[in-house]
Protein backbone atom coordinates (compact mmCIF):
# COMPACT_ATOMS: atom_id res chain seq x y z
CA MET A 1 -0.19 -0.07 -0.01
CA ILE A 2 1.37 3.25 -0.76
CA GLU A 3 0.45 6.63 1.77
CA TYR A 4 -1.19 9.41 -0.23
CA PRO A 5 -1.09 12.58 2.20
CA GLN A 6 -2.75 14.88 -0.73
CA ILE A 7 -6.11 12.58 -0.18
CA LYS A 8 -7.94 15.02 2.01
CA LEU A 9 -11.38 13.18 3.11
CA ASN A 10 -14.68 14.67 4.06
CA PHE A 11 -15.86 13.94 7.40
CA SER A 12 -19.21 15.60 7.10
CA LYS A 13 -20.95 12.71 7.19
CA ALA A 14 -18.39 10.04 9.25
CA PRO A 15 -15.90 10.19 12.01
CA LYS A 16 -12.97 12.21 11.82
CA THR A 17 -9.62 10.88 11.74
CA ASP A 18 -5.74 12.05 10.89
CA ALA A 19 -4.41 9.32 9.81
CA PRO A 20 -3.21 8.85 6.30
CA VAL A 21 -5.18 7.56 3.30
CA PHE A 22 -3.22 4.00 1.78
CA LEU A 23 -3.82 2.88 -1.91
CA ALA A 24 -2.99 -0.43 -3.60
CA GLU A 25 -0.13 0.24 -5.73
CA GLY A 26 -2.14 0.62 -9.63
CA ILE A 27 -4.50 2.58 -7.78
CA ARG A 28 -4.26 6.14 -8.26
CA PRO A 29 -6.64 9.65 -6.88
CA LEU A 30 -9.09 10.90 -9.03
CA SER A 31 -9.08 14.23 -9.39
CA ILE A 32 -12.62 15.48 -10.19
CA GLU A 33 -14.36 18.12 -8.79
CA HIS A 34 -17.71 16.33 -8.11
CA ASN A 35 -18.60 12.46 -6.27
CA GLY A 36 -20.57 9.76 -7.89
CA PRO A 37 -22.91 8.24 -8.79
CA PHE A 38 -22.12 9.67 -12.09
CA ILE A 39 -23.92 8.23 -15.62
CA ARG A 40 -23.79 9.08 -18.89
CA ASN A 41 -26.90 10.77 -20.51
CA CYS A 42 -28.19 10.47 -24.28
CA ASP A 43 -25.82 12.54 -25.50
CA GLY A 44 -22.80 10.63 -23.76
CA ASP A 45 -22.09 13.69 -21.74
CA LEU A 46 -21.49 12.73 -17.46
CA LEU A 47 -24.20 13.51 -15.24
CA CYS A 48 -24.32 13.58 -11.70
CA ILE A 49 -26.21 15.04 -8.73
CA HIS A 50 -25.58 17.36 -5.49
CA GLY A 51 -28.38 18.65 -3.57
CA LYS A 52 -30.70 20.40 -5.84
CA THR A 53 -28.32 20.90 -8.28
CA ALA A 54 -27.69 18.87 -11.53
CA TYR A 55 -24.14 18.67 -13.18
CA LEU A 56 -23.12 17.82 -16.50
CA SER A 57 -20.04 17.53 -18.48
CA ALA A 58 -18.39 17.36 -22.28
CA ASN A 59 -15.10 16.08 -21.63
CA ASP A 60 -15.06 13.66 -18.37
CA GLY A 61 -15.25 16.06 -15.40
CA LYS A 62 -13.05 18.77 -16.62
CA ASP A 63 -15.21 21.36 -16.72
CA TRP A 64 -19.29 21.38 -15.37
CA GLN A 65 -22.32 23.17 -16.32
CA THR A 66 -25.16 23.06 -14.00
CA PHE A 67 -29.04 23.20 -13.90
CA GLU A 68 -31.56 22.96 -11.45
CA LEU A 69 -33.02 20.20 -10.15
CA PHE A 70 -36.03 21.68 -8.47
CA SER A 71 -37.33 25.23 -9.26
CA GLU A 72 -37.29 27.56 -6.23
CA GLN A 73 -40.71 27.67 -4.34
CA MET A 74 -40.17 23.33 -4.69
CA LEU A 75 -38.93 21.95 -0.99
CA PHE A 76 -37.10 19.27 -2.72
CA LYS A 77 -33.33 18.44 -2.00
CA ALA A 78 -31.97 15.09 -2.61
CA THR A 79 -29.83 13.20 -0.16
CA ASP A 80 -26.40 11.81 -1.31
CA ALA A 81 -27.59 8.41 -0.88
CA HIS A 82 -29.22 8.18 -4.32
CA SER A 83 -29.02 6.90 -7.81
CA LEU A 84 -29.07 7.60 -11.35
CA LEU A 85 -30.10 5.79 -14.77
CA CYS A 86 -30.12 6.67 -18.45
CA THR A 87 -32.81 4.67 -20.13
CA ARG A 88 -32.63 3.40 -23.62
CA ASP A 89 -34.99 5.97 -24.73
CA GLY A 90 -32.76 8.43 -23.01
CA THR A 91 -34.75 9.68 -20.31
CA VAL A 92 -32.83 10.28 -17.60
CA ILE A 93 -34.51 8.92 -13.92
CA LEU A 94 -32.99 10.15 -10.51
CA SER A 95 -34.07 8.12 -7.53
CA PHE A 96 -33.89 10.09 -4.28
CA LEU A 97 -34.80 10.85 -0.54
CA ASN A 98 -36.40 14.27 0.11
CA ALA A 99 -33.57 15.77 2.60
CA GLU A 100 -36.19 18.78 3.28
CA GLU A 101 -38.96 15.93 4.81
CA TYR A 102 -36.36 14.26 7.35
CA HIS A 103 -37.01 13.69 10.61
CA PHE A 104 -35.76 10.68 12.35
CA ASN A 105 -36.30 10.18 16.30
CA TRP A 106 -35.44 7.03 18.10
CA VAL A 107 -36.32 6.52 21.52
CA LYS A 108 -33.96 4.78 23.35
CA LYS A 109 -36.25 4.15 26.37
CA ARG A 110 -38.44 2.17 23.68
CA ASN A 111 -36.02 0.71 21.47
CA ALA A 112 -37.94 2.31 18.63
CA PRO A 113 -38.76 5.12 16.14
CA THR A 114 -41.39 7.77 16.64
CA LYS A 115 -43.63 7.85 14.00
CA ASN A 116 -43.05 11.02 12.79
CA SER A 117 -39.77 9.94 11.58
CA ARG A 118 -39.75 10.43 8.06
CA LEU A 119 -37.62 10.97 4.86
CA TYR A 120 -39.39 10.21 1.86
CA HIS A 121 -38.75 8.26 -1.39
CA TYR A 122 -39.32 9.73 -5.00
CA VAL A 123 -37.75 9.74 -9.17
CA VAL A 124 -38.19 12.63 -10.91
CA ARG A 125 -37.33 12.29 -14.88
CA SER A 126 -35.58 14.34 -16.93
CA GLU A 127 -36.22 14.39 -21.49
CA ASP A 128 -33.53 16.26 -22.35
CA GLY A 129 -30.41 14.98 -20.62
CA GLY A 130 -30.54 16.12 -16.95
CA ARG A 131 -31.01 20.45 -18.31
CA SER A 132 -34.46 20.46 -17.23
CA TRP A 133 -36.53 18.06 -14.98
CA GLN A 134 -40.10 17.35 -14.47
CA GLU A 135 -42.41 17.53 -11.11
CA PRO A 136 -40.93 14.79 -8.43
CA ILE A 137 -43.29 11.59 -8.30
CA ARG A 138 -43.39 10.17 -4.74
CA ILE A 139 -43.15 6.97 -4.65
CA GLN A 140 -43.08 5.67 -1.03
CA THR A 141 -43.33 7.86 2.62
CA GLY A 142 -42.45 6.49 5.81
CA TYR A 143 -38.49 6.65 6.44
CA ALA A 144 -37.07 5.83 3.06
CA ALA A 145 -33.09 6.19 4.46
CA VAL A 146 -31.35 5.03 0.83
CA SER A 147 -31.82 4.50 -2.44
CA SER A 148 -28.24 3.29 -4.34
CA THR A 149 -29.25 1.78 -7.54
CA ILE A 150 -31.49 1.48 -10.08
CA ILE A 151 -30.96 -0.65 -13.25
CA GLN A 152 -32.98 -0.92 -16.55
CA LEU A 153 -33.65 -4.80 -17.43
CA GLU A 154 -33.28 -6.64 -20.60
CA SER A 155 -36.89 -6.58 -20.79
CA GLY A 156 -37.11 -2.56 -20.70
CA ALA A 157 -38.23 -2.57 -17.09
CA ILE A 158 -36.79 -0.20 -14.35
CA VAL A 159 -36.60 -1.80 -10.92
CA LEU A 160 -34.70 0.84 -8.39
CA SER A 161 -33.69 -0.75 -4.71
CA ALA A 162 -35.80 0.59 -1.75
CA GLN A 163 -36.02 0.23 1.92
CA ASN A 164 -38.41 1.49 4.54
CA LEU A 165 -39.04 1.29 8.28
CA ASP A 166 -41.23 -0.90 9.78
CA TYR A 167 -42.08 1.78 13.15
CA GLN A 168 -44.19 -0.92 15.29
CA GLN A 169 -41.08 -4.03 15.11
CA ALA A 170 -38.64 -0.93 15.07
CA ARG A 171 -36.22 -1.96 12.23
CA HIS A 172 -35.77 -1.76 8.56
CA TYR A 173 -36.78 -3.62 5.22
CA SER A 174 -36.08 -3.95 2.04
CA LEU A 175 -38.34 -4.00 -1.13
CA SER A 176 -37.86 -2.48 -4.60
CA PHE A 177 -40.04 -0.47 -7.05
CA ARG A 178 -40.67 -1.40 -10.99
CA SER A 179 -41.85 0.67 -13.84
CA ASP A 180 -42.78 -0.57 -17.45
CA ASP A 181 -43.28 3.32 -18.62
CA ASP A 182 -40.09 4.58 -18.41
CA GLY A 183 -40.52 5.93 -14.56
CA LEU A 184 -43.83 7.44 -14.62
CA SER A 185 -45.74 4.82 -12.56
CA TRP A 186 -43.75 2.79 -9.90
CA HIS A 187 -45.20 -0.83 -8.74
CA ALA A 188 -43.91 -1.85 -5.12
CA SER A 189 -42.29 -5.77 -4.54
CA ASN A 190 -43.14 -7.89 -1.45
CA LYS A 191 -41.00 -6.70 1.45
CA LEU A 192 -37.87 -8.80 2.67
CA ASP A 193 -38.00 -8.63 6.41
CA ILE A 194 -34.83 -10.88 8.32
CA GLY A 195 -35.98 -9.28 11.69
CA GLY A 196 -33.87 -8.06 14.45
CA ARG A 197 -34.44 -4.26 16.49
CA GLY A 198 -32.64 -1.15 16.31
CA HIS A 199 -32.17 2.22 14.65
CA HIS A 200 -29.85 0.05 12.24
CA GLY A 201 -31.36 -2.91 12.27
CA GLY A 202 -32.78 -5.40 9.57
CA CYS A 203 -32.09 -5.55 6.15
CA TYR A 204 -31.93 -2.43 4.00
CA GLU A 205 -29.28 -0.87 1.58
CA GLY A 206 -29.30 -3.44 -0.94
CA THR A 207 -28.30 -3.22 -4.46
CA LEU A 208 -29.20 -4.77 -7.61
CA VAL A 209 -27.56 -6.45 -10.78
CA GLU A 210 -29.61 -8.19 -13.44
CA LEU A 211 -28.17 -11.93 -14.40
CA PRO A 212 -28.79 -14.35 -17.28
CA ASP A 213 -32.20 -15.86 -15.92
CA ARG A 214 -33.37 -14.12 -12.71
CA VAL A 215 -32.31 -9.95 -11.03
CA TRP A 216 -29.91 -10.54 -7.88
CA TYR A 217 -30.69 -8.23 -4.98
CA CYS A 218 -27.63 -8.15 -1.84
CA ILE A 219 -28.54 -6.32 0.81
CA ARG A 220 -26.92 -5.30 3.92
CA THR A 221 -27.38 -6.90 7.41
CA ASN A 222 -25.79 -7.25 10.88
CA GLN A 223 -25.18 -10.70 10.85
CA ASP A 224 -21.71 -10.77 9.02
CA TYR A 225 -22.58 -11.30 5.69
CA PHE A 226 -25.25 -10.21 2.79
CA TRP A 227 -28.13 -11.32 2.10
CA HIS A 228 -29.48 -12.40 -1.52
CA ALA A 229 -32.32 -12.82 -2.87
CA TYR A 230 -33.60 -13.10 -6.35
CA SER A 231 -36.65 -12.42 -8.54
CA TYR A 232 -37.47 -14.63 -11.48
CA ASP A 233 -40.19 -12.68 -12.30
CA ASP A 234 -38.53 -9.25 -14.29
CA GLY A 235 -38.33 -7.45 -10.41
CA ARG A 236 -41.99 -8.07 -9.95
CA SER A 237 -41.07 -9.99 -6.37
CA TRP A 238 -38.41 -11.84 -4.68
CA THR A 239 -37.58 -15.33 -3.63
CA GLN A 240 -35.05 -17.33 -2.32
CA ILE A 241 -33.67 -15.26 0.34
CA HIS A 242 -30.09 -16.49 1.98
CA PRO A 243 -27.13 -15.85 3.43
CA GLY A 244 -24.47 -14.37 0.81
CA ILE A 245 -21.21 -12.87 0.99
CA GLU A 246 -19.33 -12.16 4.19
CA ALA A 247 -19.05 -8.78 5.15
CA SER A 248 -19.19 -6.24 7.59
CA SER A 249 -22.14 -3.88 8.29
CA SER A 250 -22.37 -1.61 5.35
CA PRO A 251 -23.22 -1.39 1.57
CA ALA A 252 -21.69 -2.86 -1.23
CA MET A 253 -22.26 -1.47 -4.97
CA LEU A 254 -22.36 -3.65 -7.97
CA LYS A 255 -21.73 -3.40 -11.73
CA ARG A 256 -21.96 -5.27 -14.53
CA LEU A 257 -18.80 -4.10 -16.90
CA ALA A 258 -18.65 -3.96 -20.52
CA SER A 259 -16.30 -6.95 -20.67
CA GLY A 260 -19.45 -9.02 -18.89
CA ARG A 261 -17.38 -9.65 -15.71
CA LEU A 262 -19.39 -8.32 -12.59
CA LEU A 263 -17.55 -6.12 -9.94
CA MET A 264 -18.15 -5.30 -6.37
CA VAL A 265 -16.81 -3.36 -3.68
CA TYR A 266 -17.97 -3.50 -0.38
CA ASN A 267 -16.32 -3.58 3.36
CA THR A 268 -15.00 -6.98 4.54
CA LEU A 269 -15.97 -8.18 7.48
CA TYR A 270 -12.18 -7.81 9.22
CA PRO A 271 -9.04 -5.71 8.52
CA ARG A 272 -7.38 -7.60 6.13
CA GLY A 273 -5.13 -10.42 8.31
CA LYS A 274 -7.45 -9.72 11.45
CA THR A 275 -10.53 -11.87 13.00
CA GLU A 276 -11.85 -9.22 15.13
CA PHE A 277 -13.15 -5.58 15.26
CA PRO A 278 -14.81 -3.61 18.01
CA ARG A 279 -18.98 -4.58 17.26
CA ARG A 280 -22.06 -2.17 17.52
CA GLY A 281 -25.29 -3.59 19.35
CA GLY A 282 -28.04 -2.16 21.74
CA GLN A 283 -29.86 0.56 19.98
CA PHE A 284 -27.73 -0.34 16.68
CA SER A 285 -28.91 -3.76 16.24
CA GLU A 286 -30.61 -6.69 18.25
CA VAL A 287 -26.82 -8.38 17.37
CA ALA A 288 -23.72 -6.52 17.81
CA ALA A 289 -22.41 -6.20 14.35
CA SER A 290 -19.10 -5.47 12.63
CA TRP A 291 -18.89 -1.89 11.53
CA HIS A 292 -15.48 -1.93 9.70
CA ARG A 293 -14.88 0.52 7.24
CA GLU A 294 -11.44 1.28 7.52
CA GLU A 295 -10.62 -0.59 4.41
CA LEU A 296 -12.46 -0.66 0.71
CA ALA A 297 -12.20 -4.03 -0.75
CA VAL A 298 -13.20 -5.09 -4.50
CA CYS A 299 -13.86 -8.35 -5.74
CA TYR A 300 -15.20 -9.76 -9.02
CA SER A 301 -16.74 -12.73 -10.58
CA GLU A 302 -16.63 -13.99 -14.28
CA ASP A 303 -19.59 -16.99 -13.80
CA ASP A 304 -22.65 -14.17 -12.72
CA GLY A 305 -21.87 -14.35 -8.98
CA GLU A 306 -21.57 -18.29 -8.33
CA SER A 307 -17.72 -17.56 -7.36
CA TRP A 308 -15.77 -14.61 -6.82
CA SER A 309 -12.16 -13.48 -6.90
CA ASP A 310 -10.15 -12.95 -3.32
CA PRO A 311 -11.14 -9.64 -1.85
CA LEU A 312 -8.21 -6.87 -2.79
CA ILE A 313 -8.29 -4.07 -0.32
CA VAL A 314 -7.93 -0.77 -2.38
CA ALA A 315 -7.93 1.70 0.29
CA GLN A 316 -6.94 1.91 3.86
CA CYS A 317 -7.73 4.37 6.34
CA LYS A 318 -7.19 3.52 10.10
CA GLY A 319 -10.36 4.92 11.87
CA ALA A 320 -12.08 6.32 8.72
CA TRP A 321 -15.84 5.43 6.82
CA LEU A 322 -14.69 4.22 3.48
CA ALA A 323 -17.77 3.50 3.09
CA TYR A 324 -21.58 4.01 0.98
CA PRO A 325 -19.52 3.32 -2.68
CA TYR A 326 -20.18 4.21 -6.27
CA LEU A 327 -18.57 2.69 -9.36
CA PHE A 328 -18.41 4.21 -12.82
CA GLU A 329 -17.11 2.39 -15.73
CA VAL A 330 -15.99 5.74 -17.62
CA SER A 331 -14.65 3.68 -20.63
CA PRO A 332 -14.48 -0.03 -21.23
CA GLY A 333 -11.91 -0.68 -18.64
CA LYS A 334 -11.47 2.28 -16.67
CA ILE A 335 -13.24 2.41 -13.52
CA TRP A 336 -13.99 5.52 -11.04
CA LEU A 337 -14.96 4.32 -7.58
CA THR A 338 -15.88 7.45 -5.06
CA THR A 339 -17.79 6.61 -1.65
CA MET A 340 -20.65 9.12 -0.05
CA GLN A 341 -19.27 8.82 3.12
CA SER A 342 -15.24 10.12 3.76
CA GLU A 343 -15.90 11.06 -0.44
CA LEU A 344 -13.03 9.11 -1.52
CA ARG A 345 -12.30 9.00 -5.43
CA LEU A 346 -10.27 6.48 -7.13
CA GLU A 347 -9.51 5.83 -10.53
CA PHE A 348 -8.21 2.06 -11.36
CA TYR A 349 -8.41 -0.54 -14.77
CA GLU A 350 -9.70 -3.82 -15.18
CA ASP A 351 -6.89 -5.23 -16.54
CA TRP A 352 -4.79 -4.30 -13.18
CA LEU A 353 -7.00 -5.74 -11.48
CA LEU A 354 -7.22 -9.25 -12.91
CA GLN A 355 -3.46 -8.78 -12.72
CA GLN A 356 -3.70 -8.93 -9.31
CA THR A 357 -5.66 -12.10 -8.88
CA GLY A 358 -3.45 -13.89 -11.59
CA SER A 359 -6.29 -13.92 -14.18
C-alpha cells in the first residue's frame, strides 16, 4: 500500500481521523470536482447530482455546467444516497430521498422510532439529458433512507432498490419498485424482512444487478454477511432469500462491466489479516455487528456471482469510514470508484484488477 498525504477526506458524514490514506499500488486518486454516482446521458455527457443541482460535463469532469433540479418554490433537496439511470429511450431518472422532509427520532427507553420519523422516496425524470426536470413523483412515504441502485432490465423494465422502516417492529426492511413506462409509474415488490431490532436493525441498503435468468438483490445486514434475494419474474417479487458473501454491516455496490464481468466493492467483515473488530449492538441492532469501514475491497466474478475472486483491498485509512461506494465505468475497463462517506475518489483499470488476482 502507498501513502497518499494529498488525499483529504470529507468527514461531514463520517468519523474524523487524522490518519493518512493508503492505496493499493495501481490505484490512483481521482481528481474530479464532484462525487458519484455518475452516469452518461443520451448525448454521452457525464451527469451527477448534488442537493438541488444537476451537473453536466462534456469532457469527463474537466468542466461542468449546472442545472436546477427543482424550482425555487419547491421544498426539495436530494440526499447523497441516491441513484441515476439513463434509459434506452434517453430518459434520465433520479431516485432520491428528500432531505427537506427529513426527521428522525429514536426513543432509547422503547428502542423504537417515533411515528413522525420520516424520509420520503421520490423519482424525478429528465427528457433532455439532465438540463430540465419534471415534477418529482413520490413513490413511498415512511422512512426510506437510501436508494443506491436503479437499473434497466433486458425486458425494458426499470427496477430500483428501496427500503423502509417498520415502526412497530423497530427495524428496517427492503423492497424494490418497478416501472414499465420509463419511470412514469411505479409498483412495489414484496417486503424482504429478516427480523431484528434497532435504528440500524434489519436488512437494507441493497444493490441490484441483472443475471441471465434472474435479478439479484444483495442486501446489507448485521449478521456478518450480505443477504441475497432473487427475482424470477422480471423484478416484480423476490424469493430464495439466503445468506451470501461475508461482509461488515455496510452496503455493497454491484456493477456489470462492459467485459461481462461483475464487479463488487464493499467493506470486508474484518481488517485484512485479522479475525475481529469492535462491534456495535444495543440501540444499533439486536445482533452486535462489525462496522469495519477502514478498508475498501473489490472483487469480481466471471460466472455471474457463482464464485468470486479474493477481495483486494484498494484503500485503507485507520479510523475512517470508506463506505457507501459507487462504481462508474468511464470507458470499457476504466473504472471510477467513489464513496458517499468520506468522499474518497479513485480510478483503476479492470486489467490491473485481473493482474492482481492472476487471471
